[in-house]
Amino acid sequence: MEYILEAKGITKTFPGVVALDNVNFNLKKGEVHALLGENGAGKSTLIKIISGVYKADKGTILYMGKTVSFNSPTEAMKAGIATIHQELNLFEDLTVAENIAVGNVESFLLSKRKLINITDKLLKNLNFNIHANSTVRNLNTSEKQLVSIAKALFLNSNVIIMDEPTATITEHEAKILFNIINDLKKKGISIIFISHRLEEVFEIADRVTVLRDGKFVGTTDVGHTSEQELISMMVGRKISEMYPKYNVPKKKEIFSVHDLNVGRIVKNVSFSLKEGEIFGIAGLVGSGKSEIALGIYGYIPSKWKQLKVGDKVISKIKSPDQALQEGIAMVPEDRKTMGLVLELDVMKNITLQNVKEVEKGGIINWKKADDIAREEIGKYSIKVSSVKQKVKTLSGGNQQKAVLAKVLRRVPKVVFMVEPTRGIDVGAKVDVYKIVNNLANNGIGVVFISSELPEIVRLCDRVLVMHRGRPMGILEGNEITQENILKLATGVDVE
């Protein structure tokens, strides 16, 4: 049996959309097979058919040589196919141990203490710094992703589908995950690996299949292709510059903060931002890099010795609304919970933060709201069927552009962009990078916070590196390398 899993001629349509059109895919025993494509290419639909979420309209799924058609993810899981979805399916009010045990009936026959001990041992073996008895609600996004990974491994699966498993974890944690994946390969476990980070594909995958617009483009050995070739296969055109950089830093200081403290996490952070500059903040999960933005934005209680926006000294920011009034905006880390109201349409999402522009005497001018939405949709090239399309139905990249349109409509003086390219495709990433450059050149201060070191290295003029809530140093010029960032991020001084 050459393949442990095969998808043959898979077709799936939704009202008005052909999500998959005669798609083929196969997976060998003990291999990592990357599945690539832009948002909307059909990757998630294919894995949902394989894992029993959807039924294919046409085509066949073969698993271990037999035709299968799972009626639910639970059925697939029992057969040995586990899926780590991009949207984390965890029970917020259960513990880590209880979440990991869900789906395995035998686990609930164990005593609570034994289940916690087994889970703690698993987490320790994975080098995940999470406690089995912690309530999932109290974990951050990255830690929840680690729990989902641990859950799939706990189930002793033959096939593990990983949909953007590194989207919310740092490069350090990704390295740990890749070591785990290599161990799984040696045990004969097969991995379907979906990622927008091409450097990861070349590091971990054996073969790669590309989908575009619901169609099969091709399958090739990773060793026989290049990053540029894969990008062309995905987008149907050549992208000349993956990390465009054309901002021009000036001498004028437009933002500064001294001795910033955020909750119990961030201690004594100081940095400044010059006009035209892209200022990066890097660090591992738990380093406090995201909390810096949340604190300055008024989302988490914080204090400082001095904070200036332009020439204005600000003593305290008590809420995001006050931050916006002071000219400070934030593109949040999790667009689905903090950036958008998924059940509302694109127009309402874009105008939500800008309601004063369309409201008079408590009455909304919907014609004006419609005009503003159309203007922003054109400005950011957001692909929608209409302004009334629900934002939850957009691809990840278009959702992120909707967040950017909403946040930047008020033209802030400083914008904190927290993981702005997380979970979006190559083409959308390049669009975001261009937006960042344009913002800087238009005099808006950009603080770019990211776990993706290649974009930090290639986009930022200076980089503050955090370690366990404390600043380890600011790199600039030729000092900005992945090696130097990782040294500081893990608490090692750079000579």
Protein backbone atom coordinates (compact mmCIF):
# COMPACT_ATOMS: atom_id res chain seq x y z
CA MET A 1 0.00 0.00 0.00
CA GLU A 2 1.79 3.13 -1.28
CA TYR A 3 -0.58 5.64 0.30
CA ILE A 4 -2.19 5.66 3.73
CA LEU A 5 -4.68 8.26 2.55
CA GLU A 6 -5.97 9.23 -0.90
CA ALA A 7 -8.50 11.81 -2.06
CA LYS A 8 -9.58 11.19 -5.67
CA GLY A 9 -11.60 13.58 -7.82
CA ILE A 10 -13.03 15.50 -4.85
CA THR A 11 -15.67 18.09 -5.78
CA LYS A 12 -17.58 20.24 -3.29
CA THR A 13 -19.93 23.12 -4.01
CA PHE A 14 -21.62 25.61 -1.71
CA PRO A 15 -24.36 28.02 -2.84
CA GLY A 16 -22.80 30.05 -5.65
CA VAL A 17 -19.27 28.72 -5.01
CA VAL A 18 -17.30 25.73 -6.30
CA ALA A 19 -14.98 25.18 -3.34
CA LEU A 20 -13.24 22.11 -4.80
CA ASP A 21 -13.23 21.02 -8.44
CA ASN A 22 -11.96 17.47 -9.12
CA VAL A 23 -9.10 17.70 -6.60
CA ASN A 24 -6.60 14.88 -6.01
CA PHE A 25 -4.36 14.44 -2.99
CA ASN A 26 -2.41 11.53 -1.50
CA LEU A 27 -0.38 10.90 1.64
CA LYS A 28 2.34 8.34 2.22
CA LYS A 29 2.94 6.54 5.50
CA GLY A 30 5.43 8.44 7.64
CA GLU A 31 5.65 11.56 5.46
CA VAL A 32 4.90 15.23 5.95
CA HIS A 33 2.87 16.45 2.99
CA ALA A 34 2.36 20.22 2.84
CA LEU A 35 -0.92 21.53 1.43
CA LEU A 36 -0.54 25.06 0.08
CA GLY A 37 -2.75 27.69 -1.50
CA GLU A 38 -4.04 31.18 -0.90
CA ASN A 39 -7.03 31.75 1.39
CA GLY A 40 -10.06 30.48 -0.50
CA ALA A 41 -8.02 27.95 -2.51
CA GLY A 42 -9.93 25.03 -0.96
CA LYS A 43 -7.42 23.71 1.60
CA SER A 44 -9.75 23.88 4.60
CA THR A 45 -12.65 22.40 2.61
CA LEU A 46 -10.50 19.43 1.58
CA ILE A 47 -9.36 18.64 5.10
CA LYS A 48 -12.90 19.05 6.41
CA ILE A 49 -14.05 16.43 3.89
CA ILE A 50 -11.21 14.10 4.89
CA SER A 51 -12.01 14.55 8.59
CA GLY A 52 -15.80 14.15 8.35
CA VAL A 53 -16.97 17.74 8.74
CA TYR A 54 -18.30 17.89 5.15
CA LYS A 55 -19.42 15.29 2.62
CA ALA A 56 -17.96 15.51 -0.86
CA ASP A 57 -20.43 15.97 -3.75
CA LYS A 58 -18.21 13.78 -5.94
CA GLY A 59 -15.05 11.78 -5.46
CA THR A 60 -13.62 9.11 -3.15
CA ILE A 61 -11.57 9.04 0.06
CA LEU A 62 -9.39 5.97 0.60
CA TYR A 63 -7.89 5.37 4.05
CA MET A 64 -5.54 2.43 4.64
CA GLY A 65 -6.65 0.99 1.30
CA LYS A 66 -10.39 1.13 2.01
CA THR A 67 -13.05 3.58 0.84
CA VAL A 68 -14.29 5.67 3.78
CA SER A 69 -16.87 8.39 4.36
CA PHE A 70 -16.80 9.71 7.90
CA ASN A 71 -20.00 11.20 9.30
CA SER A 72 -18.23 13.33 11.90
CA PRO A 73 -14.78 14.35 13.12
CA THR A 74 -15.29 11.99 16.07
CA GLU A 75 -15.68 9.07 13.64
CA ALA A 76 -12.50 10.12 11.82
CA MET A 77 -10.68 10.51 15.13
CA LYS A 78 -11.67 7.01 16.24
CA ALA A 79 -10.36 5.68 12.91
CA GLY A 80 -7.03 7.39 13.54
CA ILE A 81 -7.31 10.73 11.73
CA ALA A 82 -6.93 13.72 14.07
CA THR A 83 -7.27 17.34 12.99
CA ILE A 84 -5.87 20.49 14.54
CA HIS A 85 -8.07 23.19 13.02
CA GLN A 86 -7.02 26.79 12.53
CA GLU A 87 -10.05 27.83 14.60
CA LEU A 88 -9.25 26.27 17.96
CA ASN A 89 -12.01 23.93 19.17
CA LEU A 90 -11.36 23.95 22.89
CA PHE A 91 -13.70 24.08 25.87
CA GLU A 92 -12.80 27.34 27.60
CA ASP A 93 -14.05 26.36 31.07
CA LEU A 94 -12.38 22.94 31.19
CA THR A 95 -8.79 22.32 32.24
CA VAL A 96 -5.96 21.55 29.83
CA ALA A 97 -6.08 17.88 30.89
CA GLU A 98 -9.84 17.66 30.34
CA ASN A 99 -9.57 19.28 26.90
CA ILE A 100 -6.82 16.91 25.85
CA ALA A 101 -8.90 13.93 27.06
CA VAL A 102 -12.06 14.95 25.15
CA GLY A 103 -12.65 12.47 22.34
CA ASN A 104 -10.94 9.61 24.16
CA VAL A 105 -13.54 7.77 26.24
CA GLU A 106 -10.91 5.73 28.08
CA SER A 107 -9.39 8.93 29.46
CA PHE A 108 -12.52 9.66 31.47
CA LEU A 109 -12.23 6.31 33.21
CA LEU A 110 -9.01 7.59 34.78
CA SER A 111 -8.96 9.38 38.11
CA LYS A 112 -8.54 13.15 37.92
CA ARG A 113 -5.08 12.90 39.47
CA LYS A 114 -3.92 10.23 37.02
CA LEU A 115 -5.26 12.20 34.04
CA ILE A 116 -3.40 15.30 35.23
CA ASN A 117 -0.19 13.31 35.75
CA ILE A 118 -0.40 11.74 32.25
CA THR A 119 -1.12 15.14 30.69
CA ASP A 120 1.69 16.87 32.59
CA LYS A 121 4.09 14.16 31.41
CA LEU A 122 2.95 14.65 27.79
CA LEU A 123 3.33 18.44 28.04
CA LYS A 124 6.76 18.06 29.62
CA ASN A 125 7.89 15.70 26.84
CA LEU A 126 6.74 18.31 24.33
CA ASN A 127 8.61 21.05 26.20
CA PHE A 128 5.33 22.97 26.48
CA ASN A 129 5.35 25.24 29.53
CA ILE A 130 1.66 24.72 30.37
CA HIS A 131 0.12 23.07 33.44
CA ALA A 132 -2.41 20.28 33.00
CA ASN A 133 -4.66 21.73 35.71
CA SER A 134 -4.85 25.22 34.18
CA THR A 135 -8.24 26.40 32.90
CA VAL A 136 -8.07 26.96 29.15
CA ARG A 137 -9.88 30.32 29.42
CA ASN A 138 -6.85 31.67 31.29
CA LEU A 139 -4.39 30.74 28.53
CA ASN A 140 -3.32 33.08 25.75
CA THR A 141 -3.86 32.30 22.06
CA SER A 142 -0.44 30.70 21.60
CA GLU A 143 -0.83 28.45 24.64
CA LYS A 144 -4.24 27.30 23.41
CA GLN A 145 -2.63 26.31 20.11
CA LEU A 146 -0.10 24.19 22.01
CA VAL A 147 -2.95 22.46 23.86
CA SER A 148 -4.57 21.56 20.51
CA ILE A 149 -1.30 20.07 19.28
CA ALA A 150 -0.89 18.06 22.49
CA LYS A 151 -4.49 16.80 22.16
CA ALA A 152 -3.86 15.37 18.67
CA LEU A 153 -0.71 13.62 19.86
CA PHE A 154 -2.54 12.24 22.92
CA LEU A 155 -4.97 10.36 20.65
CA ASN A 156 -2.22 8.19 19.07
CA SER A 157 -3.38 8.96 15.54
CA ASN A 158 -2.11 7.43 12.27
CA VAL A 159 -2.74 10.69 10.40
CA ILE A 160 -2.57 14.17 11.91
CA ILE A 161 -3.87 17.13 9.93
CA MET A 162 -2.26 20.37 11.09
CA ASP A 163 -4.03 23.47 9.80
CA GLU A 164 -1.70 26.43 10.44
CA PRO A 165 -0.20 24.86 13.61
CA THR A 166 2.49 27.54 13.88
CA ALA A 167 0.23 30.54 13.20
CA THR A 168 0.01 31.48 16.88
CA ILE A 169 3.32 30.18 18.22
CA THR A 170 6.83 31.57 18.04
CA GLU A 171 9.73 30.30 15.94
CA HIS A 172 11.26 28.78 19.08
CA GLU A 173 8.09 26.79 19.74
CA ALA A 174 7.82 25.94 16.04
CA LYS A 175 11.28 24.34 16.25
CA ILE A 176 10.03 22.22 19.15
CA LEU A 177 6.98 21.26 17.09
CA PHE A 178 9.16 20.31 14.11
CA ASN A 179 11.25 18.05 16.35
CA ILE A 180 8.01 16.40 17.46
CA ILE A 181 6.87 16.02 13.83
CA ASN A 182 10.20 14.38 12.91
CA ASP A 183 9.76 11.95 15.82
CA LEU A 184 6.23 11.17 14.61
CA LYS A 185 7.54 10.49 11.09
CA LYS A 186 10.01 7.96 12.51
CA LYS A 187 7.08 6.20 14.17
CA GLY A 188 5.28 5.99 10.82
CA ILE A 189 2.71 8.69 11.56
CA SER A 190 1.70 10.81 8.55
CA ILE A 191 1.19 14.57 8.68
CA ILE A 192 -0.81 16.88 6.41
CA PHE A 193 0.77 20.25 7.08
CA ILE A 194 -0.97 23.48 6.07
CA SER A 195 1.01 26.70 6.43
CA HIS A 196 1.40 30.13 4.87
CA ARG A 197 5.06 30.19 5.94
CA LEU A 198 6.99 28.79 2.99
CA GLU A 199 10.26 28.58 4.92
CA GLU A 200 8.54 26.01 7.18
CA VAL A 201 7.48 23.93 4.20
CA PHE A 202 11.08 23.64 3.05
CA GLU A 203 12.22 22.82 6.57
CA ILE A 204 9.71 20.12 7.49
CA ALA A 205 7.83 18.77 4.43
CA ASP A 206 8.70 15.90 2.09
CA ARG A 207 6.19 16.73 -0.64
CA VAL A 208 3.90 19.65 -1.38
CA THR A 209 0.54 19.93 -3.15
CA VAL A 210 -0.75 23.31 -4.32
CA LEU A 211 -4.42 24.27 -4.80
CA ARG A 212 -5.65 27.44 -6.48
CA ASP A 213 -9.27 28.60 -6.74
CA GLY A 214 -10.50 25.14 -5.73
CA LYS A 215 -8.45 23.34 -8.38
CA PHE A 216 -5.47 21.01 -8.15
CA VAL A 217 -2.35 22.77 -9.50
CA GLY A 218 0.31 20.15 -8.83
CA THR A 219 2.27 17.94 -6.43
CA THR A 220 6.07 17.92 -6.21
CA ASP A 221 8.91 16.86 -3.96
CA VAL A 222 10.05 19.76 -1.81
CA GLY A 223 13.64 19.17 -2.91
CA HIS A 224 12.66 19.70 -6.55
CA THR A 225 11.03 23.11 -6.23
CA SER A 226 11.73 26.65 -4.99
CA GLU A 227 9.94 29.29 -2.95
CA GLN A 228 9.40 31.44 -6.03
CA GLU A 229 7.95 28.51 -7.99
CA LEU A 230 5.52 27.66 -5.17
CA ILE A 231 4.41 31.29 -4.91
CA SER A 232 3.75 31.38 -8.66
CA MET A 233 1.75 28.12 -8.41
CA MET A 234 -0.33 29.55 -5.56
CA VAL A 235 -1.11 33.00 -6.89
CA GLY A 236 -0.94 32.33 -10.63
CA ARG A 237 1.57 35.13 -11.13
CA LYS A 238 5.09 36.09 -10.10
CA ILE A 239 5.61 38.21 -6.99
CA SER A 240 8.80 40.17 -7.58
CA GLU A 241 9.41 41.16 -3.96
CA MET A 242 8.19 39.15 -0.97
CA TYR A 243 9.21 41.77 1.56
CA PRO A 244 8.86 45.17 -0.11
CA LYS A 245 10.63 47.91 1.85
CA TYR A 246 10.63 51.51 0.74
CA ASN A 247 9.92 53.54 3.87
CA VAL A 248 12.23 56.49 4.61
CA PRO A 249 12.97 57.04 8.33
CA LYS A 250 13.48 60.65 9.42
CA LYS A 251 14.99 62.26 12.51
CA LYS A 252 11.75 63.65 13.98
CA GLU A 253 10.51 61.68 17.02
CA ILE A 254 6.74 61.11 16.91
CA PHE A 255 6.23 58.71 19.84
CA SER A 256 8.09 57.69 22.97
CA VAL A 257 7.45 55.80 26.18
CA HIS A 258 9.73 55.53 29.23
CA ASP A 259 9.56 52.88 31.94
CA LEU A 260 6.36 51.23 30.74
CA ASN A 261 4.90 48.60 33.07
CA VAL A 262 1.91 46.50 32.03
CA GLY A 263 0.12 44.41 34.67
CA ARG A 264 2.50 41.92 36.20
CA ILE A 265 4.04 41.04 32.85
CA VAL A 266 5.93 43.96 31.28
CA LYS A 267 8.58 45.75 33.34
CA ASN A 268 10.49 48.95 32.58
CA VAL A 269 10.21 49.09 28.81
CA SER A 270 11.38 52.22 27.01
CA PHE A 271 11.50 53.00 23.29
CA SER A 272 10.88 55.79 20.82
CA LEU A 273 9.61 55.96 17.26
CA LYS A 274 10.73 58.26 14.48
CA GLU A 275 8.69 59.56 11.60
CA GLY A 276 8.86 57.20 8.63
CA GLU A 277 10.27 54.38 10.76
CA ILE A 278 8.98 50.83 11.09
CA PHE A 279 9.77 49.81 14.67
CA GLY A 280 9.64 46.08 15.43
CA ILE A 281 9.02 44.24 18.69
CA ALA A 282 9.99 40.56 18.88
CA GLY A 283 10.07 37.86 21.54
CA LEU A 284 8.85 34.39 22.44
CA VAL A 285 5.34 33.59 23.69
CA GLY A 286 4.99 35.03 27.19
CA SER A 287 7.72 37.62 26.58
CA GLY A 288 5.24 40.49 26.87
CA LYS A 289 5.55 41.79 23.31
CA SER A 290 1.79 41.78 22.66
CA GLU A 291 1.06 43.13 26.13
CA ILE A 292 3.09 46.26 25.34
CA ALA A 293 0.50 47.17 22.68
CA LEU A 294 -2.45 46.17 24.87
CA GLY A 295 -1.11 48.27 27.75
CA ILE A 296 -0.48 51.42 25.73
CA TYR A 297 -3.86 50.98 24.00
CA GLY A 298 -5.64 50.95 27.37
CA TYR A 299 -6.79 47.34 27.15
CA ILE A 300 -4.67 46.18 30.11
CA PRO A 301 -3.93 48.40 33.15
CA SER A 302 -0.52 50.00 32.69
CA LYS A 303 1.59 52.89 33.90
CA TRP A 304 4.68 54.71 32.73
CA LYS A 305 7.11 57.42 33.71
CA GLN A 306 6.38 59.36 30.52
CA LEU A 307 4.50 58.77 27.27
CA LYS A 308 4.45 61.24 24.39
CA VAL A 309 2.52 61.25 21.14
CA GLY A 310 4.06 64.00 19.05
CA ASP A 311 4.65 66.87 21.47
CA LYS A 312 1.78 65.89 23.79
CA VAL A 313 2.58 64.22 27.12
CA ILE A 314 -0.09 61.70 28.16
CA SER A 315 -0.21 60.74 31.83
CA LYS A 316 -2.64 57.81 31.61
CA ILE A 317 -4.77 55.89 29.10
CA LYS A 318 -7.74 54.22 30.75
CA SER A 319 -9.49 52.71 27.72
CA PRO A 320 -9.12 51.96 24.00
CA ASP A 321 -11.59 54.78 23.29
CA GLN A 322 -9.27 57.26 25.03
CA ALA A 323 -6.28 55.79 23.16
CA LEU A 324 -8.06 56.41 19.84
CA GLN A 325 -8.81 60.00 20.89
CA GLU A 326 -5.10 60.46 21.62
CA GLY A 327 -4.23 59.17 18.13
CA ILE A 328 -3.13 55.66 19.16
CA ALA A 329 -4.67 52.73 17.27
CA MET A 330 -4.14 48.97 17.40
CA VAL A 331 -4.54 46.13 14.92
CA PRO A 332 -5.22 43.26 17.37
CA GLU A 333 -3.58 39.86 17.46
CA ASP A 334 -6.84 37.93 17.11
CA ARG A 335 -8.94 39.54 14.39
CA LYS A 336 -11.90 37.22 14.97
CA THR A 337 -12.44 38.07 18.65
CA MET A 338 -10.92 41.55 19.01
CA GLY A 339 -10.90 42.98 15.50
CA LEU A 340 -14.26 42.09 13.95
CA VAL A 341 -17.88 41.30 14.76
CA LEU A 342 -18.17 38.18 12.63
CA GLU A 343 -21.96 38.14 12.39
CA LEU A 344 -22.09 41.69 10.99
CA ASP A 345 -21.48 42.67 7.39
CA VAL A 346 -18.36 44.34 5.99
CA MET A 347 -19.94 47.80 5.94
CA LYS A 348 -20.94 47.71 9.60
CA ASN A 349 -17.54 46.36 10.66
CA ILE A 350 -15.69 49.14 8.84
CA THR A 351 -17.94 51.88 10.24
CA LEU A 352 -18.15 50.51 13.82
CA GLN A 353 -15.02 52.29 15.05
CA ASN A 354 -15.86 55.33 12.91
CA VAL A 355 -19.53 55.77 13.81
CA LYS A 356 -19.18 59.52 14.45
CA GLU A 357 -18.50 59.91 10.74
CA VAL A 358 -21.92 58.51 9.80
CA GLU A 359 -24.04 59.42 12.83
CA LYS A 360 -25.94 62.63 13.54
CA GLY A 361 -28.44 63.09 16.36
CA GLY A 362 -28.39 59.39 17.07
CA ILE A 363 -29.38 58.49 13.51
CA ILE A 364 -27.06 56.54 11.20
CA ASN A 365 -26.70 57.79 7.63
CA TRP A 366 -26.55 54.39 5.93
CA LYS A 367 -25.90 55.90 2.51
CA LYS A 368 -22.76 57.54 3.88
CA ALA A 369 -21.78 54.31 5.66
CA ASP A 370 -22.17 52.47 2.35
CA ASP A 371 -20.00 55.06 0.55
CA ILE A 372 -17.27 54.83 3.22
CA ALA A 373 -17.27 51.02 3.09
CA ARG A 374 -16.96 51.02 -0.71
CA GLU A 375 -14.12 53.54 -0.48
CA GLU A 376 -12.20 51.40 2.03
CA ILE A 377 -12.90 48.17 0.13
CA GLY A 378 -11.36 49.74 -2.96
CA LYS A 379 -8.47 51.28 -1.07
CA TYR A 380 -7.41 47.97 0.51
CA SER A 381 -8.49 45.69 -2.37
CA ILE A 382 -10.84 43.69 -0.14
CA LYS A 383 -12.50 40.92 -2.15
CA VAL A 384 -16.23 40.94 -1.36
CA SER A 385 -19.44 40.17 -3.23
CA SER A 386 -21.03 43.30 -1.72
CA VAL A 387 -20.69 45.63 1.27
CA LYS A 388 -23.48 43.56 2.88
CA GLN A 389 -21.45 40.33 2.82
CA LYS A 390 -20.99 38.95 6.33
CA VAL A 391 -17.38 39.38 7.39
CA LYS A 392 -17.21 35.81 8.74
CA THR A 393 -17.49 34.51 5.16
CA LEU A 394 -14.36 36.36 3.98
CA SER A 395 -10.97 34.69 3.68
CA GLY A 396 -8.41 35.35 6.42
CA GLY A 397 -6.52 37.86 4.29
CA ASN A 398 -9.66 39.82 3.44
CA GLN A 399 -10.79 39.78 7.07
CA GLN A 400 -7.43 41.26 8.05
CA LYS A 401 -7.77 43.95 5.39
CA ALA A 402 -11.21 44.79 6.81
CA VAL A 403 -9.60 45.22 10.25
CA LEU A 404 -6.94 47.49 8.74
CA ALA A 405 -9.61 49.53 6.94
CA LYS A 406 -11.59 49.97 10.16
CA VAL A 407 -8.57 50.83 12.32
CA LEU A 408 -6.81 53.15 9.86
CA ARG A 409 -9.90 55.04 8.72
CA ARG A 410 -9.40 57.51 11.60
CA VAL A 411 -5.79 58.13 10.49
CA PRO A 412 -4.01 57.56 13.82
CA LYS A 413 -0.70 59.16 14.78
CA VAL A 414 0.68 55.78 15.92
CA VAL A 415 -0.58 52.29 15.12
CA PHE A 416 0.45 49.12 16.94
CA MET A 417 0.15 46.15 14.57
CA VAL A 418 0.10 42.90 16.55
CA GLU A 419 0.78 39.79 14.41
CA PRO A 420 -0.76 41.54 11.36
CA THR A 421 0.05 38.70 8.91
CA ARG A 422 -0.98 35.76 11.08
CA GLY A 423 -2.97 33.16 9.14
CA ILE A 424 -3.11 35.05 5.84
CA ASP A 425 -1.80 33.97 2.46
CA VAL A 426 1.31 35.07 0.59
CA GLY A 427 -0.42 37.61 -1.63
CA ALA A 428 -2.25 39.21 1.31
CA LYS A 429 0.99 39.34 3.30
CA VAL A 430 2.71 41.34 0.57
CA ASP A 431 -0.30 43.68 0.53
CA VAL A 432 0.04 44.20 4.30
CA TYR A 433 3.78 44.90 3.98
CA LYS A 434 3.03 47.57 1.37
CA ILE A 435 0.39 49.10 3.65
CA VAL A 436 2.98 49.23 6.48
CA ASN A 437 5.50 51.01 4.24
CA ASN A 438 2.88 53.48 3.03
CA LEU A 439 1.76 54.27 6.59
CA ALA A 440 5.35 55.01 7.64
CA ASN A 441 5.95 57.22 4.60
CA ASN A 442 2.72 59.11 5.32
CA GLY A 443 4.01 60.09 8.76
CA ILE A 444 2.08 57.51 10.80
CA GLY A 445 4.16 55.76 13.44
CA VAL A 446 4.21 51.97 12.93
CA VAL A 447 5.06 49.56 15.75
CA PHE A 448 5.20 46.12 14.10
CA ILE A 449 4.89 43.23 16.59
CA SER A 450 5.42 39.78 15.11
CA SER A 451 6.52 36.23 15.84
CA GLU A 452 7.63 35.77 12.22
CA LEU A 453 11.32 36.62 12.28
CA PRO A 454 11.83 36.88 8.49
CA GLU A 455 9.35 39.77 8.28
CA ILE A 456 10.78 41.44 11.39
CA VAL A 457 14.30 41.23 9.93
CA ARG A 458 13.38 42.44 6.46
CA LEU A 459 10.82 45.14 7.29
CA CYS A 460 11.95 46.82 10.50
CA ASP A 461 14.46 49.64 10.93
CA ARG A 462 14.95 48.93 14.63
CA VAL A 463 13.81 45.99 16.77
CA LEU A 464 13.13 45.80 20.51
CA VAL A 465 13.53 42.22 21.76
CA MET A 466 11.63 41.06 24.86
CA HIS A 467 12.39 38.20 27.25
CA ARG A 468 10.05 37.30 30.12
CA GLY A 469 8.51 40.74 30.26
CA ARG A 470 11.77 42.67 30.16
CA PRO A 471 13.58 44.47 27.34
CA MET A 472 16.80 42.74 26.31
CA GLY A 473 17.98 45.37 23.86
CA ILE A 474 17.22 47.29 20.69
CA LEU A 475 18.85 46.09 17.46
CA GLU A 476 19.35 48.27 14.41
CA GLY A 477 20.93 48.08 10.98
CA ASN A 478 23.11 45.03 10.43
CA GLU A 479 22.47 43.88 14.02
CA ILE A 480 18.94 42.83 13.00
CA THR A 481 19.40 39.14 12.26
CA GLN A 482 17.34 36.10 13.22
CA GLU A 483 20.27 34.78 15.23
CA ASN A 484 20.63 37.98 17.28
CA ILE A 485 16.89 38.23 17.87
CA LEU A 486 16.70 34.62 19.08
CA LYS A 487 19.68 35.09 21.37
CA LEU A 488 18.06 38.07 23.08
CA ALA A 489 14.61 36.43 23.07
CA THR A 490 16.02 33.45 24.99
CA GLY A 491 17.90 35.63 27.46
CA VAL A 492 21.35 35.48 25.86
CA ASP A 493 23.24 38.77 25.41
CA VAL A 494 24.39 39.71 21.91
CA GLU A 495 28.05 40.65 21.81
